[in-house]
């Protein structure tokens, strides 16, 4: 039985950050092509926020939940919901008490629809990850819901959130800068609404299935076009 040897012509990276990192590590073949992740459905943008912020994700050190709590304390304890569970939950709940946070509510694990409703009614979302991340859906989903995002200026997150336009970025583990960003959005509904509307426009332009499929289609055409001359020569030789 003859086996065909397949040659990989390109590899897809869902963030420019990942593409650049691999190239820094010496990756050269096959070439990396940047095509961002997408959301199957954007849904409709959420209503005007109800004044609270939201975090949705695992409660693990790499996700930065302790920095989040310190940022909330620096912001003066605004209303905030934490959706998710993990090994740090008990430690974080104690830390919240120690920091005097009375308005940080731990909701535990929520179903997908419940999380979407929570985000839809929020005024802003925080993604304080301390790992690089890549193209986190927490940011895509918040922006699709028309919410500004406060995220760590780290890894793939930094290319999703545009400072002062769709949200704010803060340095890794810097609770003071995070707190200042939280204060701005928690205290200014108009600003949160304007940044959220801009975030939704980005989602409509870049996070849709149509945008993703168009990029995939273009990539396939490029790959096939690069291979066409060799295929044509083989066809001519066999005729």
Foldseek 3Di string as FASTA:
>chain_A
DDDDDDADQEAEAQFVLVLVVCVVVVDDPNHYDHAHAADADLPAAADQAPLEEEEEDEPDVQQPPVLVLLLCLLLPQTAYEYEEYYDCPVVSVVVNVVSVRPRYYYPYHDDPVVVLVVLSRHLAYERQGNDQDGRDVVLLNSLSNLFAYEYECHHRVVVLHDDQQQAHYDHHSPSNVSNVRSNVRSVDSVSRNRSSNSSNVCNVVRRYPVNNVVVVVVVVVVSCVVCVVVVVVVVVVVD
